[in-house]
C-alpha cells in the first residue's frame, strides 16, 4: 500500500473519531481537559468534519489519475479482444469460402 493511501484513511478515521467524541465523549473531554468544562465542543465537531473532508479530497485527487489509467487499460484490452475475435471470425469465413 502506498503511504498516501494510508494517510488519506488516517485523516478520515481521525475525522470520524472527532465527531464521535463530540457526540458521545463530552464527559471524557471534560475529565482529560478540565479547562474545557462548560465550554462549547463545536470546534471538535468542525475539526472532525474538516479532517474527513480533507482525507476524502486527498484520496480523490491522488487516485483520480490512477483510476483513469486503469479504465484506459481496460478499454484497450477490450479493443484488442474484439480485434482478435473479428480477425478469427474473418479467417473462419475465408476458410469456408475456399472449401
C-alpha atoms as a PDB file:
ATOM      1  CA  UNK A   1       0.000   0.000   0.000  1.00  0.00           C
ATOM      2  CA  UNK A   2       1.101   3.489  -0.660  1.00  0.00           C
ATOM      3  CA  UNK A   3       1.766   5.967   2.105  1.00  0.00           C
ATOM      4  CA  UNK A   4      -0.660   8.460   0.551  1.00  0.00           C
ATOM      5  CA  UNK A   5      -3.438   5.872   0.602  1.00  0.00           C
ATOM      6  CA  UNK A   6      -2.835   5.149   4.282  1.00  0.00           C
ATOM      7  CA  UNK A   7      -2.621   8.866   5.111  1.00  0.00           C
ATOM      8  CA  UNK A   8      -5.972   9.560   3.464  1.00  0.00           C
ATOM      9  CA  UNK A   9      -7.647   6.829   5.517  1.00  0.00           C
ATOM     10  CA  UNK A  10      -5.962   8.026   8.720  1.00  0.00           C
ATOM     11  CA  UNK A  11      -7.333  11.530   8.126  1.00  0.00           C
ATOM     12  CA  UNK A  12     -10.807  10.111   7.551  1.00  0.00           C
ATOM     13  CA  UNK A  13     -10.548   7.971  10.684  1.00  0.00           C
ATOM     14  CA  UNK A  14      -9.460  10.925  12.803  1.00  0.00           C
ATOM     15  CA  UNK A  15     -12.374  12.926  11.432  1.00  0.00           C
ATOM     16  CA  UNK A  16     -14.876  10.227  12.359  1.00  0.00           C
ATOM     17  CA  UNK A  17     -13.247   9.863  15.774  1.00  0.00           C
ATOM     18  CA  UNK A  18     -13.502  13.612  16.448  1.00  0.00           C
ATOM     19  CA  UNK A  19     -17.193  13.654  15.500  1.00  0.00           C
ATOM     20  CA  UNK A  20     -17.880  10.637  17.721  1.00  0.00           C
ATOM     21  CA  UNK A  21     -16.046  12.314  20.606  1.00  0.00           C
ATOM     22  CA  UNK A  22     -18.210  15.378  20.083  1.00  0.00           C
ATOM     23  CA  UNK A  23     -21.426  13.359  20.287  1.00  0.00           C
ATOM     24  CA  UNK A  24     -20.550  10.723  22.880  1.00  0.00           C
ATOM     25  CA  UNK A  25     -17.393  11.800  24.686  1.00  0.00           C
ATOM     26  CA  UNK A  26     -18.147  15.169  26.243  1.00  0.00           C
ATOM     27  CA  UNK A  27     -17.638  13.802  29.753  1.00  0.00           C
ATOM     28  CA  UNK A  28     -14.278  12.243  28.869  1.00  0.00           C
ATOM     29  CA  UNK A  29     -13.131  15.505  27.278  1.00  0.00           C
ATOM     30  CA  UNK A  30     -14.077  17.286  30.494  1.00  0.00           C
ATOM     31  CA  UNK A  31     -12.074  14.777  32.542  1.00  0.00           C
ATOM     32  CA  UNK A  32      -8.992  14.887  30.299  1.00  0.00           C
ATOM     33  CA  UNK A  33      -9.018  18.647  29.791  1.00  0.00           C
ATOM     34  CA  UNK A  34     -10.585  20.291  32.873  1.00  0.00           C
ATOM     35  CA  UNK A  35     -10.229  23.759  31.347  1.00  0.00           C
ATOM     36  CA  UNK A  36     -12.834  22.866  28.739  1.00  0.00           C
ATOM     37  CA  UNK A  37     -15.634  22.125  31.196  1.00  0.00           C
ATOM     38  CA  UNK A  38     -18.602  24.309  30.338  1.00  0.00           C
ATOM     39  CA  UNK A  39     -17.149  25.383  27.009  1.00  0.00           C
ATOM     40  CA  UNK A  40     -18.522  24.532  23.605  1.00  0.00           C
ATOM     41  CA  UNK A  41     -17.190  21.474  21.835  1.00  0.00           C
ATOM     42  CA  UNK A  42     -18.221  22.797  18.423  1.00  0.00           C
ATOM     43  CA  UNK A  43     -14.582  23.216  17.341  1.00  0.00           C
ATOM     44  CA  UNK A  44     -14.074  19.466  17.895  1.00  0.00           C
ATOM     45  CA  UNK A  45     -17.051  18.715  15.660  1.00  0.00           C
ATOM     46  CA  UNK A  46     -15.980  21.079  12.896  1.00  0.00           C
ATOM     47  CA  UNK A  47     -12.398  19.835  13.090  1.00  0.00           C
ATOM     48  CA  UNK A  48     -13.693  16.291  12.637  1.00  0.00           C
ATOM     49  CA  UNK A  49     -15.730  17.276   9.604  1.00  0.00           C
ATOM     50  CA  UNK A  50     -12.740  19.147   8.148  1.00  0.00           C
ATOM     51  CA  UNK A  51     -10.360  16.216   8.699  1.00  0.00           C
ATOM     52  CA  UNK A  52     -12.734  13.815   6.991  1.00  0.00           C
ATOM     53  CA  UNK A  53     -13.265  16.123   4.022  1.00  0.00           C
ATOM     54  CA  UNK A  54      -9.516  16.735   3.646  1.00  0.00           C
ATOM     55  CA  UNK A  55      -8.878  12.974   3.692  1.00  0.00           C
ATOM     56  CA  UNK A  56     -11.592  12.306   1.124  1.00  0.00           C
ATOM     57  CA  UNK A  57     -10.441  15.086  -1.219  1.00  0.00           C
ATOM     58  CA  UNK A  58      -6.815  13.990  -0.846  1.00  0.00           C
ATOM     59  CA  UNK A  59      -7.775  10.434  -1.808  1.00  0.00           C
ATOM     60  CA  UNK A  60      -9.852  11.603  -4.747  1.00  0.00           C
ATOM     61  CA  UNK A  61      -7.106  13.831  -6.161  1.00  0.00           C
ATOM     62  CA  UNK A  62      -4.343  11.259  -5.710  1.00  0.00           C
ATOM     63  CA  UNK A  63      -6.105   8.304  -7.215  1.00  0.00           C
ATOM     64  CA  UNK A  64      -8.071  10.026  -9.966  1.00  0.00           C
ATOM     65  CA  UNK A  65      -5.133   9.691 -12.338  1.00  0.00           C
ATOM     66  CA  UNK A  66      -4.643   6.013 -11.487  1.00  0.00           C
ATOM     67  CA  UNK A  67      -8.329   5.229 -11.989  1.00  0.00           C
ATOM     68  CA  UNK A  68      -8.264   6.988 -15.365  1.00  0.00           C
ATOM     69  CA  UNK A  69      -5.232   4.929 -16.391  1.00  0.00           C
ATOM     70  CA  UNK A  70      -6.889   1.669 -15.267  1.00  0.00           C
ATOM     71  CA  UNK A  71     -10.008   2.479 -17.279  1.00  0.00           C
ATOM     72  CA  UNK A  72      -7.885   3.263 -20.336  1.00  0.00           C
ATOM     73  CA  UNK A  73      -6.021  -0.065 -19.998  1.00  0.00           C
ATOM     74  CA  UNK A  74      -9.298  -1.915 -19.618  1.00  0.00           C
ATOM     75  CA  UNK A  75     -10.691  -0.306 -22.768  1.00  0.00           C
ATOM     76  CA  UNK A  76      -7.521  -1.147 -24.688  1.00  0.00           C
ATOM     77  CA  UNK A  77      -7.779  -4.796 -23.595  1.00  0.00           C
ATOM     78  CA  UNK A  78     -11.397  -4.906 -24.742  1.00  0.00           C
ATOM     79  CA  UNK A  79     -10.441  -3.409 -28.102  1.00  0.00           C
ATOM     80  CA  UNK A  80      -7.646  -5.953 -28.568  1.00  0.00           C
ATOM     81  CA  UNK A  81     -10.003  -8.813 -27.688  1.00  0.00           C
ATOM     82  CA  UNK A  82     -12.585  -7.505 -30.151  1.00  0.00           C
ATOM     83  CA  UNK A  83      -9.944  -7.246 -32.900  1.00  0.00           C
ATOM     84  CA  UNK A  84      -8.784 -10.800 -32.217  1.00  0.00           C
ATOM     85  CA  UNK A  85     -12.371 -12.023 -32.321  1.00  0.00           C
ATOM     86  CA  UNK A  86     -13.028 -10.205 -35.596  1.00  0.00           C
ATOM     87  CA  UNK A  87      -9.780 -11.495 -37.081  1.00  0.00           C
ATOM     88  CA  UNK A  88     -10.553 -15.079 -36.122  1.00  0.00           C
ATOM     89  CA  UNK A  89     -14.107 -14.856 -37.447  1.00  0.00           C
ATOM     90  CA  UNK A  90     -12.899 -13.369 -40.755  1.00  0.00           C
ATOM     91  CA  UNK A  91     -10.335 -16.190 -41.058  1.00  0.00           C
ATOM     92  CA  UNK A  92     -13.117 -18.716 -40.477  1.00  0.00           C
ATOM     93  CA  UNK A  93     -15.212 -17.051 -43.189  1.00  0.00           C
ATOM     94  CA  UNK A  94     -12.323 -17.104 -45.666  1.00  0.00           C
ATOM     95  CA  UNK A  95     -11.648 -20.772 -44.883  1.00  0.00           C
ATOM     96  CA  UNK A  96     -15.287 -21.660 -45.510  1.00  0.00           C
ATOM     97  CA  UNK A  97     -15.282 -19.789 -48.858  1.00  0.00           C
ATOM     98  CA  UNK A  98     -12.190 -21.634 -50.048  1.00  0.00           C
ATOM     99  CA  UNK A  99     -13.880 -25.008 -49.467  1.00  0.00           C
END
